[in-house]
């Protein structure tokens, strides 16, 4: 049996052998019936200590890292634009990529005064 990567072939006829899920010592070729020794790659698990990969971020004190909650993240910005519904001169907006990557983003607007919502495609 010859192993190329995870593919295993019969040494007699060259047929692609079925995977050896039961981890038997030999795999029988369905085409020619030859018994082939399983020499395929075995799973190897390795572990490493965090100290094996030094990082300046990891060595900083915990107090240097700023933690914020999801509610503290500002996802909207403010822009000077007139709301068509109430005439407010300032609205909030955020952008989101809803269409394919080669097309512009969609801008979602919200009026803080009356709650009117609309969007435009860039």
PDB file of N, CA and C in Angstrom:
ATOM      1  N   UNK A   1       0.847  -1.172   0.000  1.00  0.00           N
ATOM      2  CA  UNK A   1       0.000   0.000   0.000  1.00  0.00           C
ATOM      3  C   UNK A   1       0.883   1.223   0.000  1.00  0.00           C
ATOM      4  N   UNK A   2       0.538   2.202  -0.813  1.00  0.00           N
ATOM      5  CA  UNK A   2       1.274   3.454  -0.863  1.00  0.00           C
ATOM      6  C   UNK A   2       0.370   4.563  -0.355  1.00  0.00           C
ATOM      7  N   UNK A   3       0.903   5.421   0.492  1.00  0.00           N
ATOM      8  CA  UNK A   3       0.129   6.528   1.042  1.00  0.00           C
ATOM      9  C   UNK A   3       0.674   7.837   0.507  1.00  0.00           C
ATOM     10  N   UNK A   4      -0.237   8.652  -0.043  1.00  0.00           N
ATOM     11  CA  UNK A   4       0.116   9.995  -0.492  1.00  0.00           C
ATOM     12  C   UNK A   4      -0.820  10.940   0.246  1.00  0.00           C
ATOM     13  N   UNK A   5      -0.293  11.663   1.220  1.00  0.00           N
ATOM     14  CA  UNK A   5      -1.139  12.507   2.062  1.00  0.00           C
ATOM     15  C   UNK A   5      -2.110  11.626   2.824  1.00  0.00           C
ATOM     16  N   UNK A   6      -3.413  11.900   2.677  1.00  0.00           N
ATOM     17  CA  UNK A   6      -4.414  11.080   3.341  1.00  0.00           C
ATOM     18  C   UNK A   6      -5.010  10.050   2.389  1.00  0.00           C
ATOM     19  N   UNK A   7      -4.551  10.025   1.104  1.00  0.00           N
ATOM     20  CA  UNK A   7      -5.025   9.033   0.142  1.00  0.00           C
ATOM     21  C   UNK A   7      -4.150   7.790   0.221  1.00  0.00           C
ATOM     22  N   UNK A   8      -4.790   6.624   0.213  1.00  0.00           N
ATOM     23  CA  UNK A   8      -4.074   5.361   0.334  1.00  0.00           C
ATOM     24  C   UNK A   8      -4.390   4.518  -0.898  1.00  0.00           C
ATOM     25  N   UNK A   9      -3.338   3.973  -1.554  1.00  0.00           N
ATOM     26  CA  UNK A   9      -3.490   3.204  -2.786  1.00  0.00           C
ATOM     27  C   UNK A   9      -2.989   1.783  -2.597  1.00  0.00           C
ATOM     28  N   UNK A  10      -3.591   0.841  -3.342  1.00  0.00           N
ATOM     29  CA  UNK A  10      -3.174  -0.563  -3.332  1.00  0.00           C
ATOM     30  C   UNK A  10      -1.831  -0.672  -4.042  1.00  0.00           C
ATOM     31  N   UNK A  11      -0.908  -1.443  -3.455  1.00  0.00           N
ATOM     32  CA  UNK A  11       0.418  -1.605  -4.065  1.00  0.00           C
ATOM     33  C   UNK A  11       0.375  -2.562  -5.245  1.00  0.00           C
ATOM     34  N   UNK A  12      -0.641  -3.414  -5.342  1.00  0.00           N
ATOM     35  CA  UNK A  12      -0.733  -4.362  -6.451  1.00  0.00           C
ATOM     36  C   UNK A  12      -1.359  -3.749  -7.701  1.00  0.00           C
ATOM     37  N   UNK A  13      -2.529  -3.083  -7.536  1.00  0.00           N
ATOM     38  CA  UNK A  13      -3.242  -2.578  -8.719  1.00  0.00           C
ATOM     39  C   UNK A  13      -3.339  -1.061  -8.782  1.00  0.00           C
ATOM     40  N   UNK A  14      -2.997  -0.373  -7.715  1.00  0.00           N
ATOM     41  CA  UNK A  14      -3.044   1.092  -7.704  1.00  0.00           C
ATOM     42  C   UNK A  14      -4.409   1.665  -7.401  1.00  0.00           C
ATOM     43  N   UNK A  15      -5.369   0.847  -7.042  1.00  0.00           N
ATOM     44  CA  UNK A  15      -6.722   1.293  -6.718  1.00  0.00           C
ATOM     45  C   UNK A  15      -6.711   2.143  -5.444  1.00  0.00           C
ATOM     46  N   UNK A  16      -7.548   3.166  -5.419  1.00  0.00           N
ATOM     47  CA  UNK A  16      -7.695   3.995  -4.218  1.00  0.00           C
ATOM     48  C   UNK A  16      -8.442   3.185  -3.171  1.00  0.00           C
ATOM     49  N   UNK A  17      -7.834   2.998  -2.002  1.00  0.00           N
ATOM     50  CA  UNK A  17      -8.432   2.189  -0.942  1.00  0.00           C
ATOM     51  C   UNK A  17      -9.339   3.044  -0.065  1.00  0.00           C
ATOM     52  N   UNK A  18     -10.356   2.382   0.491  1.00  0.00           N
ATOM     53  CA  UNK A  18     -11.265   3.059   1.409  1.00  0.00           C
ATOM     54  C   UNK A  18     -10.521   3.443   2.676  1.00  0.00           C
ATOM     55  N   UNK A  19     -10.933   4.529   3.334  1.00  0.00           N
ATOM     56  CA  UNK A  19     -10.289   4.923   4.598  1.00  0.00           C
ATOM     57  C   UNK A  19     -10.414   3.826   5.636  1.00  0.00           C
ATOM     58  N   UNK A  20      -9.400   3.684   6.457  1.00  0.00           N
ATOM     59  CA  UNK A  20      -9.346   2.658   7.501  1.00  0.00           C
ATOM     60  C   UNK A  20      -9.879   3.244   8.805  1.00  0.00           C
ATOM     61  N   UNK A  21     -11.199   3.378   8.895  1.00  0.00           N
ATOM     62  CA  UNK A  21     -11.815   4.001  10.069  1.00  0.00           C
ATOM     63  C   UNK A  21     -11.692   3.127  11.314  1.00  0.00           C
ATOM     64  N   UNK A  22     -11.669   1.805  11.135  1.00  0.00           N
ATOM     65  CA  UNK A  22     -11.585   0.897  12.286  1.00  0.00           C
ATOM     66  C   UNK A  22     -10.152   0.644  12.710  1.00  0.00           C
ATOM     67  N   UNK A  23      -9.210   1.261  12.007  1.00  0.00           N
ATOM     68  CA  UNK A  23      -7.773   1.170  12.322  1.00  0.00           C
ATOM     69  C   UNK A  23      -7.281  -0.284  12.374  1.00  0.00           C
ATOM     70  N   UNK A  24      -7.702  -1.072  11.379  1.00  0.00           N
ATOM     71  CA  UNK A  24      -7.191  -2.437  11.258  1.00  0.00           C
ATOM     72  C   UNK A  24      -5.744  -2.359  10.775  1.00  0.00           C
ATOM     73  N   UNK A  25      -5.003  -3.436  10.976  1.00  0.00           N
ATOM     74  CA  UNK A  25      -3.608  -3.478  10.549  1.00  0.00           C
ATOM     75  C   UNK A  25      -3.499  -3.570   9.030  1.00  0.00           C
ATOM     76  N   UNK A  26      -4.471  -4.250   8.393  1.00  0.00           N
ATOM     77  CA  UNK A  26      -4.467  -4.406   6.942  1.00  0.00           C
ATOM     78  C   UNK A  26      -5.779  -3.926   6.339  1.00  0.00           C
ATOM     79  N   UNK A  27      -5.709  -3.423   5.112  1.00  0.00           N
ATOM     80  CA  UNK A  27      -6.891  -2.992   4.375  1.00  0.00           C
ATOM     81  C   UNK A  27      -6.959  -3.854   3.111  1.00  0.00           C
ATOM     82  N   UNK A  28      -8.141  -4.419   2.848  1.00  0.00           N
ATOM     83  CA  UNK A  28      -8.299  -5.255   1.655  1.00  0.00           C
ATOM     84  C   UNK A  28      -8.754  -4.393   0.488  1.00  0.00           C
ATOM     85  N   UNK A  29      -8.094  -4.572  -0.664  1.00  0.00           N
ATOM     86  CA  UNK A  29      -8.454  -3.843  -1.881  1.00  0.00           C
ATOM     87  C   UNK A  29      -9.735  -4.452  -2.436  1.00  0.00           C
ATOM     88  N   UNK A  30     -10.740  -3.628  -2.725  1.00  0.00           N
ATOM     89  CA  UNK A  30     -12.008  -4.118  -3.260  1.00  0.00           C
ATOM     90  C   UNK A  30     -11.879  -4.546  -4.716  1.00  0.00           C
ATOM     91  N   UNK A  31     -10.884  -4.046  -5.425  1.00  0.00           N
ATOM     92  CA  UNK A  31     -10.729  -4.362  -6.837  1.00  0.00           C
ATOM     93  C   UNK A  31      -9.989  -5.679  -7.056  1.00  0.00           C
ATOM     94  N   UNK A  32      -8.805  -5.826  -6.444  1.00  0.00           N
ATOM     95  CA  UNK A  32      -8.005  -7.032  -6.695  1.00  0.00           C
ATOM     96  C   UNK A  32      -7.959  -7.981  -5.505  1.00  0.00           C
ATOM     97  N   UNK A  33      -8.444  -7.573  -4.341  1.00  0.00           N
ATOM     98  CA  UNK A  33      -8.489  -8.433  -3.163  1.00  0.00           C
ATOM     99  C   UNK A  33      -7.186  -8.512  -2.380  1.00  0.00           C
ATOM    100  N   UNK A  34      -6.166  -7.771  -2.773  1.00  0.00           N
ATOM    101  CA  UNK A  34      -4.877  -7.820  -2.083  1.00  0.00           C
ATOM    102  C   UNK A  34      -4.989  -7.216  -0.694  1.00  0.00           C
ATOM    103  N   UNK A  35      -4.247  -7.798   0.244  1.00  0.00           N
ATOM    104  CA  UNK A  35      -4.181  -7.273   1.604  1.00  0.00           C
ATOM    105  C   UNK A  35      -3.031  -6.266   1.658  1.00  0.00           C
ATOM    106  N   UNK A  36      -3.321  -5.042   2.062  1.00  0.00           N
ATOM    107  CA  UNK A  36      -2.327  -3.980   2.123  1.00  0.00           C
ATOM    108  C   UNK A  36      -2.161  -3.521   3.556  1.00  0.00           C
ATOM    109  N   UNK A  37      -0.920  -3.413   3.987  1.00  0.00           N
ATOM    110  CA  UNK A  37      -0.639  -2.933   5.339  1.00  0.00           C
ATOM    111  C   UNK A  37      -0.977  -1.446   5.407  1.00  0.00           C
ATOM    112  N   UNK A  38      -1.638  -1.044   6.487  1.00  0.00           N
ATOM    113  CA  UNK A  38      -2.034   0.362   6.655  1.00  0.00           C
ATOM    114  C   UNK A  38      -0.830   1.190   7.067  1.00  0.00           C
ATOM    115  N   UNK A  39      -0.348   2.017   6.152  1.00  0.00           N
ATOM    116  CA  UNK A  39       0.778   2.910   6.441  1.00  0.00           C
ATOM    117  C   UNK A  39       0.360   4.367   6.339  1.00  0.00           C
ATOM    118  N   UNK A  40      -0.949   4.608   6.380  1.00  0.00           N
ATOM    119  CA  UNK A  40      -1.438   5.983   6.259  1.00  0.00           C
ATOM    120  C   UNK A  40      -1.061   6.808   7.482  1.00  0.00           C
ATOM    121  N   UNK A  41      -1.189   8.100   7.326  1.00  0.00           N
ATOM    122  CA  UNK A  41      -0.841   9.015   8.413  1.00  0.00           C
ATOM    123  C   UNK A  41      -1.752   8.796   9.605  1.00  0.00           C
ATOM    124  N   UNK A  42      -1.176   8.790  10.755  1.00  0.00           N
ATOM    125  CA  UNK A  42      -1.928   8.664  11.992  1.00  0.00           C
ATOM    126  C   UNK A  42      -2.109  10.057  12.584  1.00  0.00           C
ATOM    127  N   UNK A  43      -3.104  10.200  13.398  1.00  0.00           N
ATOM    128  CA  UNK A  43      -3.371  11.485  14.029  1.00  0.00           C
ATOM    129  C   UNK A  43      -2.378  11.695  15.160  1.00  0.00           C
ATOM    130  N   UNK A  44      -1.706  12.825  15.136  1.00  0.00           N
ATOM    131  CA  UNK A  44      -0.750  13.173  16.178  1.00  0.00           C
ATOM    132  C   UNK A  44      -1.209  14.472  16.820  1.00  0.00           C
ATOM    133  N   UNK A  45      -1.350  14.465  18.122  1.00  0.00           N
ATOM    134  CA  UNK A  45      -1.774  15.654  18.860  1.00  0.00           C
ATOM    135  C   UNK A  45      -0.575  16.183  19.627  1.00  0.00           C
ATOM    136  N   UNK A  46      -0.282  17.457  19.429  1.00  0.00           N
ATOM    137  CA  UNK A  46       0.811  18.077  20.165  1.00  0.00           C
ATOM    138  C   UNK A  46       0.263  19.242  20.976  1.00  0.00           C
ATOM    139  N   UNK A  47       0.905  19.487  22.087  1.00  0.00           N
ATOM    140  CA  UNK A  47       0.541  20.630  22.913  1.00  0.00           C
ATOM    141  C   UNK A  47       1.798  21.429  23.208  1.00  0.00           C
ATOM    142  N   UNK A  48       1.613  22.693  23.426  1.00  0.00           N
ATOM    143  CA  UNK A  48       2.748  23.543  23.767  1.00  0.00           C
ATOM    144  C   UNK A  48       2.361  24.452  24.919  1.00  0.00           C
ATOM    145  N   UNK A  49       3.355  24.874  25.652  1.00  0.00           N
ATOM    146  CA  UNK A  49       3.131  25.775  26.772  1.00  0.00           C
ATOM    147  C   UNK A  49       2.986  27.199  26.236  1.00  0.00           C
ATOM    148  N   UNK A  50       2.195  28.044  26.883  1.00  0.00           N
ATOM    149  CA  UNK A  50       2.073  29.437  26.457  1.00  0.00           C
ATOM    150  C   UNK A  50       3.420  30.158  26.433  1.00  0.00           C
ATOM    151  N   UNK A  51       4.353  29.731  27.273  1.00  0.00           N
ATOM    152  CA  UNK A  51       5.659  30.387  27.312  1.00  0.00           C
ATOM    153  C   UNK A  51       6.503  30.062  26.074  1.00  0.00           C
ATOM    154  N   UNK A  52       6.081  29.072  25.283  1.00  0.00           N
ATOM    155  CA  UNK A  52       6.830  28.713  24.078  1.00  0.00           C
ATOM    156  C   UNK A  52       6.680  29.778  23.001  1.00  0.00           C
ATOM    157  N   UNK A  53       5.632  30.591  23.076  1.00  0.00           N
ATOM    158  CA  UNK A  53       5.392  31.652  22.113  1.00  0.00           C
ATOM    159  C   UNK A  53       5.258  32.971  22.868  1.00  0.00           C
ATOM    160  N   UNK A  54       6.376  33.623  23.155  1.00  0.00           N
ATOM    161  CA  UNK A  54       6.317  34.855  23.940  1.00  0.00           C
ATOM    162  C   UNK A  54       5.542  35.954  23.216  1.00  0.00           C
ATOM    163  N   UNK A  55       4.837  36.732  23.982  1.00  0.00           N
ATOM    164  CA  UNK A  55       4.043  37.827  23.432  1.00  0.00           C
ATOM    165  C   UNK A  55       4.109  39.012  24.382  1.00  0.00           C
ATOM    166  N   UNK A  56       4.330  40.190  23.819  1.00  0.00           N
ATOM    167  CA  UNK A  56       4.364  41.381  24.674  1.00  0.00           C
ATOM    168  C   UNK A  56       2.992  41.655  25.259  1.00  0.00           C
ATOM    169  N   UNK A  57       1.933  41.334  24.520  1.00  0.00           N
ATOM    170  CA  UNK A  57       0.582  41.539  25.036  1.00  0.00           C
ATOM    171  C   UNK A  57       0.310  40.615  26.215  1.00  0.00           C
ATOM    172  N   UNK A  58       0.776  39.378  26.130  1.00  0.00           N
ATOM    173  CA  UNK A  58       0.552  38.410  27.200  1.00  0.00           C
ATOM    174  C   UNK A  58       1.310  38.797  28.458  1.00  0.00           C
ATOM    175  N   UNK A  59       2.459  39.472  28.308  1.00  0.00           N
ATOM    176  CA  UNK A  59       3.263  39.820  29.471  1.00  0.00           C
ATOM    177  C   UNK A  59       2.785  41.086  30.166  1.00  0.00           C
ATOM    178  N   UNK A  60       1.905  41.847  29.544  1.00  0.00           N
ATOM    179  CA  UNK A  60       1.375  43.051  30.196  1.00  0.00           C
ATOM    180  C   UNK A  60       0.523  42.667  31.397  1.00  0.00           C
ATOM    181  N   UNK A  61       0.443  43.600  32.308  1.00  0.00           N
ATOM    182  CA  UNK A  61      -0.420  43.387  33.467  1.00  0.00           C
ATOM    183  C   UNK A  61      -1.876  43.430  33.035  1.00  0.00           C
ATOM    184  N   UNK A  62      -2.714  42.725  33.728  1.00  0.00           N
ATOM    185  CA  UNK A  62      -4.145  42.668  33.403  1.00  0.00           C
ATOM    186  C   UNK A  62      -4.790  44.047  33.476  1.00  0.00           C
ATOM    187  N   UNK A  63      -4.297  44.923  34.323  1.00  0.00           N
ATOM    188  CA  UNK A  63      -4.882  46.254  34.485  1.00  0.00           C
ATOM    189  C   UNK A  63      -4.648  47.139  33.263  1.00  0.00           C
ATOM    190  N   UNK A  64      -3.702  46.790  32.399  1.00  0.00           N
ATOM    191  CA  UNK A  64      -3.437  47.577  31.200  1.00  0.00           C
ATOM    192  C   UNK A  64      -4.469  47.340  30.107  1.00  0.00           C
ATOM    193  N   UNK A  65      -5.251  46.278  30.220  1.00  0.00           N
ATOM    194  CA  UNK A  65      -6.228  45.935  29.197  1.00  0.00           C
ATOM    195  C   UNK A  65      -7.560  46.566  29.571  1.00  0.00           C
ATOM    196  N   UNK A  66      -8.115  47.339  28.643  1.00  0.00           N
ATOM    197  CA  UNK A  66      -9.401  47.986  28.887  1.00  0.00           C
ATOM    198  C   UNK A  66     -10.518  47.036  28.497  1.00  0.00           C
ATOM    199  N   UNK A  67     -11.458  46.822  29.388  1.00  0.00           N
ATOM    200  CA  UNK A  67     -12.592  45.962  29.118  1.00  0.00           C
ATOM    201  C   UNK A  67     -13.837  46.809  28.970  1.00  0.00           C
ATOM    202  N   UNK A  68     -14.607  46.545  27.908  1.00  0.00           N
ATOM    203  CA  UNK A  68     -15.866  47.254  27.700  1.00  0.00           C
ATOM    204  C   UNK A  68     -16.957  46.226  27.417  1.00  0.00           C
ATOM    205  N   UNK A  69     -18.175  46.599  27.745  1.00  0.00           N
ATOM    206  CA  UNK A  69     -19.309  45.722  27.483  1.00  0.00           C
ATOM    207  C   UNK A  69     -19.886  46.044  26.116  1.00  0.00           C
ATOM    208  N   UNK A  70     -20.714  45.150  25.612  1.00  0.00           N
ATOM    209  CA  UNK A  70     -21.317  45.345  24.292  1.00  0.00           C
ATOM    210  C   UNK A  70     -22.166  46.611  24.248  1.00  0.00           C
ATOM    211  N   UNK A  71     -22.821  46.940  25.354  1.00  0.00           N
ATOM    212  CA  UNK A  71     -23.674  48.129  25.384  1.00  0.00           C
ATOM    213  C   UNK A  71     -22.863  49.425  25.333  1.00  0.00           C
ATOM    214  N   UNK A  72     -21.570  49.362  25.682  1.00  0.00           N
ATOM    215  CA  UNK A  72     -20.725  50.553  25.649  1.00  0.00           C
ATOM    216  C   UNK A  72     -20.124  50.830  24.260  1.00  0.00           C
ATOM    217  N   UNK A  73     -20.236  49.881  23.353  1.00  0.00           N
ATOM    218  CA  UNK A  73     -19.683  50.065  22.010  1.00  0.00           C
ATOM    219  C   UNK A  73     -20.611  50.955  21.208  1.00  0.00           C
ATOM    220  N   UNK A  74     -20.070  52.040  20.689  1.00  0.00           N
ATOM    221  CA  UNK A  74     -20.868  52.968  19.894  1.00  0.00           C
ATOM    222  C   UNK A  74     -20.860  52.486  18.453  1.00  0.00           C
ATOM    223  N   UNK A  75     -22.051  52.095  17.969  1.00  0.00           N
ATOM    224  CA  UNK A  75     -22.131  51.629  16.593  1.00  0.00           C
ATOM    225  C   UNK A  75     -22.715  52.687  15.672  1.00  0.00           C
ATOM    226  N   UNK A  76     -23.272  53.754  16.244  1.00  0.00           N
ATOM    227  CA  UNK A  76     -23.859  54.818  15.439  1.00  0.00           C
ATOM    228  C   UNK A  76     -23.045  56.100  15.578  1.00  0.00           C
ATOM    229  N   UNK A  77     -22.993  56.849  14.490  1.00  0.00           N
ATOM    230  CA  UNK A  77     -22.341  58.157  14.495  1.00  0.00           C
ATOM    231  C   UNK A  77     -23.417  59.205  14.196  1.00  0.00           C
ATOM    232  N   UNK A  78     -23.093  60.463  14.432  1.00  0.00           N
ATOM    233  CA  UNK A  78     -24.038  61.553  14.189  1.00  0.00           C
ATOM    234  C   UNK A  78     -23.577  62.356  12.989  1.00  0.00           C
ATOM    235  N   UNK A  79     -24.548  62.796  12.176  1.00  0.00           N
ATOM    236  CA  UNK A  79     -24.248  63.577  10.975  1.00  0.00           C
ATOM    237  C   UNK A  79     -25.240  64.721  10.861  1.00  0.00           C
ATOM    238  N   UNK A  80     -24.767  65.827  10.303  1.00  0.00           N
ATOM    239  CA  UNK A  80     -25.657  66.963  10.057  1.00  0.00           C
ATOM    240  C   UNK A  80     -26.442  66.697   8.782  1.00  0.00           C
ATOM    241  N   UNK A  81     -27.693  66.270   8.958  1.00  0.00           N
ATOM    242  CA  UNK A  81     -28.587  65.934   7.848  1.00  0.00           C
ATOM    243  C   UNK A  81     -29.997  66.189   8.337  1.00  0.00           C
ATOM    244  N   UNK A  82     -30.858  66.658   7.493  1.00  0.00           N
ATOM    245  CA  UNK A  82     -32.212  67.002   7.891  1.00  0.00           C
ATOM    246  C   UNK A  82     -33.135  65.797   7.753  1.00  0.00           C
ATOM    247  N   UNK A  83     -33.887  65.536   8.806  1.00  0.00           N
ATOM    248  CA  UNK A  83     -34.892  64.473   8.791  1.00  0.00           C
ATOM    249  C   UNK A  83     -36.070  64.955   7.960  1.00  0.00           C
ATOM    250  N   UNK A  84     -36.527  64.164   7.013  1.00  0.00           N
ATOM    251  CA  UNK A  84     -37.649  64.538   6.146  1.00  0.00           C
ATOM    252  C   UNK A  84     -38.976  64.588   6.895  1.00  0.00           C
ATOM    253  N   UNK A  85     -39.072  63.872   7.988  1.00  0.00           N
ATOM    254  CA  UNK A  85     -40.339  63.776   8.714  1.00  0.00           C
ATOM    255  C   UNK A  85     -40.558  64.942   9.682  1.00  0.00           C
ATOM    256  N   UNK A  86     -39.505  65.267  10.497  1.00  0.00           N
ATOM    257  CA  UNK A  86     -39.702  66.297  11.518  1.00  0.00           C
ATOM    258  C   UNK A  86     -38.820  67.524  11.323  1.00  0.00           C
ATOM    259  N   UNK A  87     -37.845  67.465  10.426  1.00  0.00           N
ATOM    260  CA  UNK A  87     -36.980  68.611  10.162  1.00  0.00           C
ATOM    261  C   UNK A  87     -35.791  68.738  11.095  1.00  0.00           C
ATOM    262  N   UNK A  88     -35.561  67.747  11.944  1.00  0.00           N
ATOM    263  CA  UNK A  88     -34.413  67.762  12.845  1.00  0.00           C
ATOM    264  C   UNK A  88     -33.138  67.840  12.002  1.00  0.00           C
ATOM    265  N   UNK A  89     -32.169  68.652  12.400  1.00  0.00           N
ATOM    266  CA  UNK A  89     -30.970  68.876  11.614  1.00  0.00           C
ATOM    267  C   UNK A  89     -29.833  67.912  11.871  1.00  0.00           C
ATOM    268  N   UNK A  90     -30.031  66.961  12.778  1.00  0.00           N
ATOM    269  CA  UNK A  90     -28.960  66.023  13.104  1.00  0.00           C
ATOM    270  C   UNK A  90     -29.551  64.623  13.232  1.00  0.00           C
ATOM    271  N   UNK A  91     -28.971  63.643  12.526  1.00  0.00           N
ATOM    272  CA  UNK A  91     -29.454  62.268  12.592  1.00  0.00           C
ATOM    273  C   UNK A  91     -28.294  61.329  12.881  1.00  0.00           C
ATOM    274  N   UNK A  92     -28.624  60.141  13.394  1.00  0.00           N
ATOM    275  CA  UNK A  92     -27.620  59.104  13.651  1.00  0.00           C
ATOM    276  C   UNK A  92     -27.603  58.146  12.470  1.00  0.00           C
ATOM    277  N   UNK A  93     -26.426  57.552  12.218  1.00  0.00           N
ATOM    278  CA  UNK A  93     -26.332  56.596  11.120  1.00  0.00           C
ATOM    279  C   UNK A  93     -25.296  55.521  11.429  1.00  0.00           C
ATOM    280  N   UNK A  94     -25.410  54.395  10.733  1.00  0.00           N
ATOM    281  CA  UNK A  94     -24.391  53.343  10.724  1.00  0.00           C
ATOM    282  C   UNK A  94     -24.431  52.681   9.358  1.00  0.00           C
ATOM    283  N   UNK A  95     -23.338  52.047   8.982  1.00  0.00           N
ATOM    284  CA  UNK A  95     -23.261  51.391   7.681  1.00  0.00           C
ATOM    285  C   UNK A  95     -23.135  49.890   7.862  1.00  0.00           C
ATOM    286  N   UNK A  96     -23.594  49.169   6.840  1.00  0.00           N
ATOM    287  CA  UNK A  96     -23.500  47.714   6.873  1.00  0.00           C
ATOM    288  C   UNK A  96     -23.356  47.210   5.440  1.00  0.00           C
ATOM    289  N   UNK A  97     -22.488  46.209   5.238  1.00  0.00           N
ATOM    290  CA  UNK A  97     -22.266  45.624   3.919  1.00  0.00           C
ATOM    291  C   UNK A  97     -23.303  44.527   3.713  1.00  0.00           C
ATOM    292  N   UNK A  98     -24.349  44.819   2.946  1.00  0.00           N
ATOM    293  CA  UNK A  98     -25.418  43.853   2.723  1.00  0.00           C
ATOM    294  C   UNK A  98     -25.346  43.220   1.335  1.00  0.00           C
ATOM    295  N   UNK A  99     -24.715  43.894   0.398  1.00  0.00           N
ATOM    296  CA  UNK A  99     -24.616  43.391  -0.972  1.00  0.00           C
ATOM    297  C   UNK A  99     -23.226  42.832  -1.205  1.00  0.00           C
ATOM    298  N   UNK A 100     -22.930  42.448  -2.417  1.00  0.00           N
ATOM    299  CA  UNK A 100     -21.629  41.833  -2.704  1.00  0.00           C
ATOM    300  C   UNK A 100     -20.494  42.816  -2.430  1.00  0.00           C
ATOM    301  N   UNK A 101     -19.293  42.288  -2.298  1.00  0.00           N
ATOM    302  CA  UNK A 101     -18.137  43.082  -1.870  1.00  0.00           C
ATOM    303  C   UNK A 101     -17.766  44.173  -2.863  1.00  0.00           C
ATOM    304  N   UNK A 102     -18.104  43.999  -4.139  1.00  0.00           N
ATOM    305  CA  UNK A 102     -17.735  45.016  -5.115  1.00  0.00           C
ATOM    306  C   UNK A 102     -18.784  46.123  -5.234  1.00  0.00           C
ATOM    307  N   UNK A 103     -19.810  46.082  -4.395  1.00  0.00           N
ATOM    308  CA  UNK A 103     -20.819  47.146  -4.371  1.00  0.00           C
ATOM    309  C   UNK A 103     -20.721  47.897  -3.050  1.00  0.00           C
ATOM    310  N   UNK A 104     -21.303  49.080  -3.015  1.00  0.00           N
ATOM    311  CA  UNK A 104     -21.204  49.941  -1.839  1.00  0.00           C
ATOM    312  C   UNK A 104     -21.979  49.417  -0.641  1.00  0.00           C
ATOM    313  N   UNK A 105     -21.778  50.086   0.479  1.00  0.00           N
ATOM    314  CA  UNK A 105     -22.469  49.702   1.708  1.00  0.00           C
ATOM    315  C   UNK A 105     -23.844  50.347   1.765  1.00  0.00           C
ATOM    316  N   UNK A 106     -24.698  49.836   2.646  1.00  0.00           N
ATOM    317  CA  UNK A 106     -26.001  50.426   2.902  1.00  0.00           C
ATOM    318  C   UNK A 106     -25.877  51.279   4.152  1.00  0.00           C
ATOM    319  N   UNK A 107     -26.374  52.516   4.085  1.00  0.00           N
ATOM    320  CA  UNK A 107     -26.311  53.437   5.215  1.00  0.00           C
ATOM    321  C   UNK A 107     -27.704  53.514   5.833  1.00  0.00           C
ATOM    322  N   UNK A 108     -27.797  53.234   7.139  1.00  0.00           N
ATOM    323  CA  UNK A 108     -29.053  53.280   7.873  1.00  0.00           C
ATOM    324  C   UNK A 108     -29.081  54.542   8.726  1.00  0.00           C
ATOM    325  N   UNK A 109     -30.134  55.345   8.573  1.00  0.00           N
ATOM    326  CA  UNK A 109     -30.283  56.605   9.298  1.00  0.00           C
ATOM    327  C   UNK A 109     -31.427  56.483  10.300  1.00  0.00           C
ATOM    328  N   UNK A 110     -31.279  57.159  11.458  1.00  0.00           N
ATOM    329  CA  UNK A 110     -32.330  57.221  12.472  1.00  0.00           C
ATOM    330  C   UNK A 110     -32.375  58.636  13.022  1.00  0.00           C
ATOM    331  N   UNK A 111     -33.559  59.200  13.073  1.00  0.00           N
ATOM    332  CA  UNK A 111     -33.729  60.529  13.661  1.00  0.00           C
ATOM    333  C   UNK A 111     -33.884  60.363  15.169  1.00  0.00           C
ATOM    334  N   UNK A 112     -33.044  61.040  15.975  1.00  0.00           N
ATOM    335  CA  UNK A 112     -33.152  60.895  17.430  1.00  0.00           C
ATOM    336  C   UNK A 112     -34.391  61.584  18.007  1.00  0.00           C
ATOM    337  N   UNK A 113     -34.970  62.511  17.242  1.00  0.00           N
ATOM    338  CA  UNK A 113     -36.115  63.266  17.749  1.00  0.00           C
ATOM    339  C   UNK A 113     -37.431  62.521  17.546  1.00  0.00           C
ATOM    340  N   UNK A 114     -37.699  62.067  16.304  1.00  0.00           N
ATOM    341  CA  UNK A 114     -38.977  61.446  16.028  1.00  0.00           C
ATOM    342  C   UNK A 114     -38.876  59.923  15.805  1.00  0.00           C
ATOM    343  N   UNK A 115     -37.671  59.380  15.689  1.00  0.00           N
ATOM    344  CA  UNK A 115     -37.496  57.950  15.501  1.00  0.00           C
ATOM    345  C   UNK A 115     -37.647  57.482  14.057  1.00  0.00           C
ATOM    346  N   UNK A 116     -37.786  58.415  13.130  1.00  0.00           N
ATOM    347  CA  UNK A 116     -37.906  58.070  11.712  1.00  0.00           C
ATOM    348  C   UNK A 116     -36.641  57.324  11.238  1.00  0.00           C
ATOM    349  N   UNK A 117     -36.860  56.228  10.472  1.00  0.00           N
ATOM    350  CA  UNK A 117     -35.730  55.431   9.971  1.00  0.00           C
ATOM    351  C   UNK A 117     -35.822  55.330   8.454  1.00  0.00           C
ATOM    352  N   UNK A 118     -34.648  55.409   7.806  1.00  0.00           N
ATOM    353  CA  UNK A 118     -34.560  55.223   6.358  1.00  0.00           C
ATOM    354  C   UNK A 118     -33.154  54.779   6.018  1.00  0.00           C
ATOM    355  N   UNK A 119     -32.951  54.327   4.785  1.00  0.00           N
ATOM    356  CA  UNK A 119     -31.625  53.901   4.378  1.00  0.00           C
ATOM    357  C   UNK A 119     -31.360  54.278   2.932  1.00  0.00           C
ATOM    358  N   UNK A 120     -30.080  54.295   2.590  1.00  0.00           N
ATOM    359  CA  UNK A 120     -29.642  54.547   1.216  1.00  0.00           C
ATOM    360  C   UNK A 120     -28.548  53.561   0.868  1.00  0.00           C
ATOM    361  N   UNK A 121     -28.462  53.223  -0.413  1.00  0.00           N
ATOM    362  CA  UNK A 121     -27.391  52.355  -0.895  1.00  0.00           C
ATOM    363  C   UNK A 121     -26.334  53.191  -1.554  1.00  0.00           C
ATOM    364  N   UNK A 122     -25.105  53.065  -1.116  1.00  0.00           N
ATOM    365  CA  UNK A 122     -23.995  53.815  -1.705  1.00  0.00           C
ATOM    366  C   UNK A 122     -23.432  53.073  -2.885  1.00  0.00           C
TER     367      UNK A 122
END
